[in-house]
Structure formats: C-alpha cells, structure tokens
Amino acid sequence: MGRIFTLEEAQAVMPQVKAMTEPVYALAASLAEELREAEDAQDETRAEALRERIQVLVQSWQHAMQDLEAEVKGLWLVDFDSGDGYWCWAFPEDTLDHWHSYEGGFRSRVPADQRPGVRA
C-alpha cells in the first residue's frame, strides 16, 4: 500500500508535478509532430527512432511522478491516494481539485469539495 495523502498534502506536491510535466509534455508534442512528418514521408527509420525517444521520455516522466509518490493513471494524468479514492490531476489543469473513487476512474471525478462524505 502506498502513501495516503490529504488534499493539502497532494496539493503541496503539485508545483513539482507541474514543473516536471509541462516541459516533458511540450517535448513529447514536438516529437509527435516530427513522428507524423516522418510517417507521412514514409521514413520508417526516422519514425522508429522518434517512437523510441517518445517512449523513453514518457517513461522518465512516469518514474519522476512515482518518485513524488503520485500514481500515473494515464498520459499526463496522475492520482494521489486519498484513502477512499484518488485526488486526480490531468495536464494542463492549473490546480489539483478533483477526486474520484477507486472504482470510478477519471470519468467519474467530482470537485474535491463534493467528494462523498465531505460536509460543506
């Protein structure tokens, strides 16, 4: 079992998450554009090299997120275990302010203040 985060603890990690994610996302987007061009030109050697670079880049981002004790749930999507679900953030959101149950996933997320069992 991993670390359990309060909302405030997870939010405190977000500056690092965002600082690591934004440049990696930008580089991955640039490489993806180069990949499309290589595929359009039917340059399979270049395309394969770009696919490998993108894969290494994404894996390095995943490891960096895990080092922060965030759980990577998709590309540019991280969760922090709340003990009854996850605090959920997806790039390019500015803040971490959503929650979803363990079973529900990203599509079932709600604003953190509407988490079941939270009183206003």
C-alpha atoms as a PDB file:
ATOM      1  CA  MET A   1       0.000   0.000   0.000  1.00  0.00           C
ATOM      2  CA  GLY A   2       1.324   3.422  -0.967  1.00  0.00           C
ATOM      3  CA  ARG A   3       1.152   6.713   0.824  1.00  0.00           C
ATOM      4  CA  ILE A   4      -2.209   8.239   1.747  1.00  0.00           C
ATOM      5  CA  PHE A   5      -2.468  11.975   1.010  1.00  0.00           C
ATOM      6  CA  THR A   6      -4.736  14.627   2.427  1.00  0.00           C
ATOM      7  CA  LEU A   7      -5.854  17.097  -0.224  1.00  0.00           C
ATOM      8  CA  GLU A   8      -3.460  19.664   1.200  1.00  0.00           C
ATOM      9  CA  GLU A   9      -0.513  17.245   1.080  1.00  0.00           C
ATOM     10  CA  ALA A  10      -1.259  16.324  -2.530  1.00  0.00           C
ATOM     11  CA  GLN A  11      -1.663  19.993  -3.467  1.00  0.00           C
ATOM     12  CA  ALA A  12       1.723  20.737  -1.877  1.00  0.00           C
ATOM     13  CA  VAL A  13       3.391  18.325  -4.335  1.00  0.00           C
ATOM     14  CA  MET A  14       1.691  19.884  -7.361  1.00  0.00           C
ATOM     15  CA  PRO A  15       4.285  22.586  -8.089  1.00  0.00           C
ATOM     16  CA  GLN A  16       6.834  19.808  -8.635  1.00  0.00           C
ATOM     17  CA  VAL A  17       4.392  17.716 -10.675  1.00  0.00           C
ATOM     18  CA  LYS A  18       3.559  20.646 -12.922  1.00  0.00           C
ATOM     19  CA  ALA A  19       7.189  21.769 -13.232  1.00  0.00           C
ATOM     20  CA  MET A  20       8.177  18.287 -14.381  1.00  0.00           C
ATOM     21  CA  THR A  21       5.169  17.685 -16.616  1.00  0.00           C
ATOM     22  CA  GLU A  22       4.983  20.882 -18.661  1.00  0.00           C
ATOM     23  CA  PRO A  23       8.386  20.677 -20.412  1.00  0.00           C
ATOM     24  CA  VAL A  24       8.079  16.930 -20.953  1.00  0.00           C
ATOM     25  CA  TYR A  25       4.638  17.406 -22.479  1.00  0.00           C
ATOM     26  CA  ALA A  26       5.972  20.144 -24.792  1.00  0.00           C
ATOM     27  CA  LEU A  27       8.884  17.985 -25.931  1.00  0.00           C
ATOM     28  CA  ALA A  28       6.623  14.960 -26.446  1.00  0.00           C
ATOM     29  CA  ALA A  29       4.236  17.076 -28.541  1.00  0.00           C
ATOM     30  CA  SER A  30       7.137  18.301 -30.670  1.00  0.00           C
ATOM     31  CA  LEU A  31       8.446  14.770 -31.140  1.00  0.00           C
ATOM     32  CA  ALA A  32       4.939  13.565 -32.015  1.00  0.00           C
ATOM     33  CA  GLU A  33       4.748  16.208 -34.753  1.00  0.00           C
ATOM     34  CA  GLU A  34       8.120  15.072 -36.103  1.00  0.00           C
ATOM     35  CA  LEU A  35       6.843  11.499 -35.977  1.00  0.00           C
ATOM     36  CA  ARG A  36       3.774  12.399 -38.056  1.00  0.00           C
ATOM     37  CA  GLU A  37       6.029  14.071 -40.614  1.00  0.00           C
ATOM     38  CA  ALA A  38       8.348  11.049 -40.748  1.00  0.00           C
ATOM     39  CA  GLU A  39       5.375   8.711 -41.168  1.00  0.00           C
ATOM     40  CA  ASP A  40       3.915  10.912 -43.903  1.00  0.00           C
ATOM     41  CA  ALA A  41       7.292  10.798 -45.663  1.00  0.00           C
ATOM     42  CA  GLN A  42       7.360   7.026 -45.118  1.00  0.00           C
ATOM     43  CA  ASP A  43      10.720   7.387 -43.355  1.00  0.00           C
ATOM     44  CA  GLU A  44      10.363   4.330 -41.147  1.00  0.00           C
ATOM     45  CA  THR A  45      13.901   4.545 -39.765  1.00  0.00           C
ATOM     46  CA  ARG A  46      13.304   8.095 -38.509  1.00  0.00           C
ATOM     47  CA  ALA A  47       9.800   7.215 -37.330  1.00  0.00           C
ATOM     48  CA  GLU A  48      11.056   4.287 -35.268  1.00  0.00           C
ATOM     49  CA  ALA A  49      13.782   6.433 -33.689  1.00  0.00           C
ATOM     50  CA  LEU A  50      11.172   9.051 -32.771  1.00  0.00           C
ATOM     51  CA  ARG A  51       8.823   6.427 -31.297  1.00  0.00           C
ATOM     52  CA  GLU A  52      11.676   5.206 -29.103  1.00  0.00           C
ATOM     53  CA  ARG A  53      12.510   8.756 -27.962  1.00  0.00           C
ATOM     54  CA  ILE A  54       8.881   9.399 -27.084  1.00  0.00           C
ATOM     55  CA  GLN A  55       8.668   6.128 -25.169  1.00  0.00           C
ATOM     56  CA  VAL A  56      11.828   6.903 -23.168  1.00  0.00           C
ATOM     57  CA  LEU A  57      10.587  10.424 -22.476  1.00  0.00           C
ATOM     58  CA  VAL A  58       7.203   9.236 -21.204  1.00  0.00           C
ATOM     59  CA  GLN A  59       8.807   6.518 -19.090  1.00  0.00           C
ATOM     60  CA  SER A  60      11.151   9.041 -17.499  1.00  0.00           C
ATOM     61  CA  TRP A  61       8.150  11.251 -16.681  1.00  0.00           C
ATOM     62  CA  GLN A  62       6.335   8.256 -15.157  1.00  0.00           C
ATOM     63  CA  HIS A  63       9.340   7.462 -12.958  1.00  0.00           C
ATOM     64  CA  ALA A  64       9.597  11.093 -11.849  1.00  0.00           C
ATOM     65  CA  MET A  65       5.916  11.058 -10.850  1.00  0.00           C
ATOM     66  CA  GLN A  66       6.371   7.805  -8.948  1.00  0.00           C
ATOM     67  CA  ASP A  67       9.330   9.346  -7.122  1.00  0.00           C
ATOM     68  CA  LEU A  68       6.872  12.005  -5.900  1.00  0.00           C
ATOM     69  CA  GLU A  69       4.564   9.157  -4.763  1.00  0.00           C
ATOM     70  CA  ALA A  70       1.963  10.045  -7.388  1.00  0.00           C
ATOM     71  CA  GLU A  71       0.291   7.229  -9.282  1.00  0.00           C
ATOM     72  CA  VAL A  72       0.381   7.584 -13.061  1.00  0.00           C
ATOM     73  CA  LYS A  73      -3.035   6.623 -14.404  1.00  0.00           C
ATOM     74  CA  GLY A  74      -2.591   7.722 -17.989  1.00  0.00           C
ATOM     75  CA  LEU A  75      -0.608  10.013 -20.179  1.00  0.00           C
ATOM     76  CA  TRP A  76      -0.216  13.297 -18.274  1.00  0.00           C
ATOM     77  CA  LEU A  77      -2.685  12.050 -15.637  1.00  0.00           C
ATOM     78  CA  VAL A  78      -1.682  11.499 -12.020  1.00  0.00           C
ATOM     79  CA  ASP A  79      -3.566  10.479  -8.911  1.00  0.00           C
ATOM     80  CA  PHE A  80      -2.763  10.658  -5.215  1.00  0.00           C
ATOM     81  CA  ASP A  81      -4.342   8.063  -2.921  1.00  0.00           C
ATOM     82  CA  SER A  82      -6.792   9.703  -0.505  1.00  0.00           C
ATOM     83  CA  GLY A  83      -7.571   6.555   1.466  1.00  0.00           C
ATOM     84  CA  ASP A  84     -11.034   6.262  -0.089  1.00  0.00           C
ATOM     85  CA  GLY A  85     -10.239   7.132  -3.697  1.00  0.00           C
ATOM     86  CA  TYR A  86      -7.876   9.453  -5.509  1.00  0.00           C
ATOM     87  CA  TRP A  87      -7.117  13.150  -5.757  1.00  0.00           C
ATOM     88  CA  CYS A  88      -6.911  13.500  -9.525  1.00  0.00           C
ATOM     89  CA  TRP A  89      -4.964  15.876 -11.793  1.00  0.00           C
ATOM     90  CA  ALA A  90      -4.546  15.981 -15.558  1.00  0.00           C
ATOM     91  CA  PHE A  91      -2.266  18.264 -17.517  1.00  0.00           C
ATOM     92  CA  PRO A  92      -2.825  21.171 -18.267  1.00  0.00           C
ATOM     93  CA  GLU A  93      -5.073  21.786 -15.263  1.00  0.00           C
ATOM     94  CA  ASP A  94      -3.819  24.575 -13.015  1.00  0.00           C
ATOM     95  CA  THR A  95      -4.804  23.017  -9.713  1.00  0.00           C
ATOM     96  CA  LEU A  96      -5.437  19.676  -8.080  1.00  0.00           C
ATOM     97  CA  ASP A  97      -9.062  19.923  -7.048  1.00  0.00           C
ATOM     98  CA  HIS A  98     -10.827  16.744  -8.207  1.00  0.00           C
ATOM     99  CA  TRP A  99     -11.450  13.395  -6.582  1.00  0.00           C
ATOM    100  CA  HIS A 100     -12.754  10.028  -7.797  1.00  0.00           C
ATOM    101  CA  SER A 101     -13.416   6.665  -6.186  1.00  0.00           C
ATOM    102  CA  TYR A 102     -11.056   3.742  -6.607  1.00  0.00           C
ATOM    103  CA  GLU A 103     -13.536   2.069  -8.960  1.00  0.00           C
ATOM    104  CA  GLY A 104     -14.819   5.139 -10.761  1.00  0.00           C
ATOM    105  CA  GLY A 105     -11.774   6.451 -12.555  1.00  0.00           C
ATOM    106  CA  PHE A 106     -11.184   9.747 -14.302  1.00  0.00           C
ATOM    107  CA  ARG A 107     -14.621   9.950 -15.923  1.00  0.00           C
ATOM    108  CA  SER A 108     -16.350   9.795 -12.546  1.00  0.00           C
ATOM    109  CA  ARG A 109     -14.308  12.503 -10.873  1.00  0.00           C
ATOM    110  CA  VAL A 110     -16.002  15.299  -8.981  1.00  0.00           C
ATOM    111  CA  PRO A 111     -14.761  18.549  -7.443  1.00  0.00           C
ATOM    112  CA  ALA A 112     -12.878  17.721  -4.242  1.00  0.00           C
ATOM    113  CA  ASP A 113     -15.403  19.575  -2.094  1.00  0.00           C
ATOM    114  CA  GLN A 114     -18.169  17.331  -3.498  1.00  0.00           C
ATOM    115  CA  ARG A 115     -16.406  14.108  -2.517  1.00  0.00           C
ATOM    116  CA  PRO A 116     -18.875  11.735  -0.852  1.00  0.00           C
ATOM    117  CA  GLY A 117     -18.777  12.064   2.914  1.00  0.00           C
ATOM    118  CA  VAL A 118     -17.468  15.648   2.830  1.00  0.00           C
ATOM    119  CA  ARG A 119     -19.695  18.139   4.574  1.00  0.00           C
ATOM    120  CA  ALA A 120     -19.906  21.697   3.336  1.00  0.00           C
END
